[in-house]
Protein backbone atom coordinates (compact mmCIF):
# COMPACT_ATOMS: atom_id res chain seq x y z
CA MET A 1 133.75 137.40 115.84
CA THR A 2 130.47 138.80 114.52
CA ASP A 3 127.43 140.22 116.25
CA GLU A 4 125.57 137.09 115.20
CA THR A 5 128.07 134.69 116.81
CA VAL A 6 128.18 136.78 119.99
CA ASP A 7 124.36 136.74 120.07
CA GLN A 8 124.41 132.95 119.58
CA LEU A 9 126.81 132.52 122.50
CA GLY A 10 124.76 134.78 124.76
CA GLY A 11 121.52 133.05 123.81
CA ALA A 12 122.97 129.58 124.32
CA LEU A 13 124.40 130.50 127.73
CA GLY A 14 121.10 132.01 128.83
CA ASP A 15 119.13 128.97 127.63
CA LEU A 16 121.55 126.58 129.36
CA HIS A 17 121.31 128.53 132.61
CA ARG A 18 117.50 128.46 132.62
CA MET A 19 117.24 124.78 131.65
CA LEU A 20 119.85 123.68 134.19
CA ARG A 21 118.32 125.74 136.99
CA ARG A 22 114.83 124.44 136.28
CA ALA A 23 115.84 120.79 135.86
CA ALA A 24 118.28 120.66 138.78
CA THR A 25 115.79 122.33 141.12
CA GLN A 26 113.08 119.91 140.00
CA ARG A 27 115.39 116.91 140.54
CA ALA A 28 116.22 118.18 144.02
CA GLY A 29 112.51 118.39 144.82
CA ARG A 30 112.77 121.96 146.03
CA VAL A 31 111.16 125.26 145.25
CA ALA A 32 113.60 127.42 143.32
CA LEU A 33 115.04 130.37 145.17
CA PRO A 34 114.84 133.73 143.42
CA ASP A 35 117.88 134.40 141.20
CA ALA A 36 118.97 137.33 143.40
CA GLN A 37 119.11 135.08 146.47
CA VAL A 38 121.04 132.42 144.56
CA GLU A 39 123.55 135.07 143.48
CA VAL A 40 124.14 136.06 147.11
CA LEU A 41 124.56 132.43 148.18
CA ARG A 42 127.01 131.71 145.36
CA LEU A 43 128.97 134.84 146.22
CA VAL A 44 129.21 133.87 149.89
CA GLN A 45 130.19 130.35 148.84
CA ARG A 46 133.09 131.77 146.80
CA TRP A 47 134.00 134.45 149.36
CA PRO A 48 133.18 133.14 152.88
CA GLY A 49 133.15 135.96 155.40
CA ILE A 50 132.34 138.64 152.81
CA GLY A 51 130.61 141.73 154.16
CA VAL A 52 127.33 143.17 152.91
CA ARG A 53 128.95 146.26 151.39
CA GLU A 54 131.56 144.23 149.50
CA ALA A 55 128.88 141.77 148.38
CA ALA A 56 126.85 144.69 147.02
CA GLU A 57 129.90 145.98 145.13
CA ARG A 58 130.65 142.57 143.62
CA LEU A 59 127.00 142.09 142.64
CA GLY A 60 126.71 145.62 141.29
CA THR A 61 123.73 146.49 143.44
CA ALA A 62 122.84 148.72 146.39
CA PRO A 63 123.88 147.65 149.90
CA ASN A 64 120.28 147.94 151.14
CA THR A 65 119.19 145.47 148.42
CA VAL A 66 121.82 142.97 149.53
CA SER A 67 120.89 143.60 153.16
CA THR A 68 117.27 142.70 152.36
CA LEU A 69 118.37 139.53 150.54
CA VAL A 70 120.65 138.60 153.46
CA GLY A 71 117.71 139.06 155.83
CA GLU A 72 115.54 136.75 153.73
CA LEU A 73 118.27 134.13 153.45
CA THR A 74 119.00 134.33 157.18
CA ALA A 75 115.29 133.87 157.97
CA ALA A 76 115.26 130.86 155.63
CA GLY A 77 118.19 129.33 157.53
CA LEU A 78 120.60 129.56 154.60
CA LEU A 79 122.92 132.35 155.77
CA CYS A 80 124.29 133.40 159.10
CA ARG A 81 125.66 136.78 160.03
CA GLU A 82 128.69 136.97 162.29
CA ARG A 83 130.13 140.17 163.74
CA ASP A 84 133.71 140.82 162.69
CA PRO A 85 135.80 140.56 165.87
CA ALA A 86 138.16 143.27 164.55
CA ASP A 87 135.31 145.68 163.74
CA ARG A 88 132.05 144.99 165.57
CA ARG A 89 130.18 147.29 163.15
CA THR A 90 130.93 144.92 160.28
CA VAL A 91 128.90 141.77 159.64
CA ARG A 92 130.49 138.80 157.91
CA LEU A 93 128.35 136.36 155.95
CA GLU A 94 128.68 132.58 156.07
CA LEU A 95 126.65 129.76 154.56
CA THR A 96 124.79 127.54 156.98
CA VAL A 97 125.06 123.77 156.86
CA ALA A 98 121.62 123.69 155.21
CA ALA A 99 122.81 126.06 152.46
CA ARG A 100 125.99 124.07 151.85
CA GLU A 101 123.96 120.85 151.60
CA ARG A 102 121.40 122.46 149.30
CA MET A 103 124.11 123.88 147.03
CA ALA A 104 126.04 120.58 146.98
CA ALA A 105 122.88 118.67 145.99
CA TYR A 106 122.11 121.23 143.29
CA GLY A 107 125.70 120.92 142.02
CA ARG A 108 125.42 117.12 141.82
CA HIS A 109 122.14 117.35 139.89
CA ARG A 110 123.62 119.97 137.58
CA ARG A 111 126.72 117.82 136.90
CA ASP A 112 124.51 114.79 136.19
CA LEU A 113 122.35 116.77 133.76
CA ILE A 114 125.34 118.27 131.96
CA GLY A 115 127.13 114.91 131.86
CA ALA A 116 124.10 113.20 130.35
CA ALA A 117 123.66 115.93 127.73
CA LEU A 118 127.38 115.88 126.86
CA ALA A 119 127.22 112.10 126.43
CA GLU A 120 124.60 112.59 123.70
CA LEU A 121 126.86 114.88 121.66
CA ASP A 122 129.45 113.64 119.22
CA GLY A 123 133.06 113.51 120.42
CA PRO A 124 134.33 116.69 118.74
CA ASP A 125 131.44 118.81 120.08
CA ARG A 126 131.86 117.35 123.56
CA ASP A 127 135.63 117.93 123.47
CA ALA A 128 135.19 121.50 122.22
CA LEU A 129 132.73 122.33 125.00
CA LEU A 130 134.90 120.82 127.71
CA ALA A 131 137.97 122.62 126.36
CA ALA A 132 136.03 125.91 126.39
CA ALA A 133 135.12 125.63 130.10
CA PRO A 134 138.18 127.54 131.42
CA ALA A 135 137.69 130.31 128.85
CA LEU A 136 133.99 130.57 129.78
CA ARG A 137 134.99 130.88 133.46
CA ARG A 138 137.41 133.69 132.54
CA LEU A 139 134.66 135.36 130.50
CA ALA A 140 132.29 135.24 133.47
CA ASP A 141 134.99 136.60 135.80
CA THR A 142 135.83 139.38 133.35
CA MET A 143 132.20 140.38 133.05
CA ALA A 144 131.92 140.38 136.85
CA GLY A 145 134.94 142.68 137.03
CA ARG A 146 137.13 140.10 138.77
CA HIS A 147 139.93 139.39 136.28
């Protein structure tokens, strides 16, 4: 592992993220949400019922920043806040039906785009990328502090 190969991996992942986000959003015919809002939605999708403070910890940001994002997403009809019955001071976050539909459509477009691009690669490259998917997931989880 050299600095150059690590830089290549980071650059490729960043480029893929931007291209997929742009193309999938365009295919869905929607205006892209800001990255920070998407991060909150994806976090709530993975951890339904998460609280604002825990979301802030997992995202590595201030609770008031997450609270602002939650307010924006709630106003947009993509998140709902529910009081925790065990502790009425705590708010639990859930995706709305509209958010789940939007994220499912985005996921379908993303899969189609990746599938089409993979089909253009030769077999060994395609196989290597597909085999690397679990390791890339572990890398992302490690970097997020969730190993």
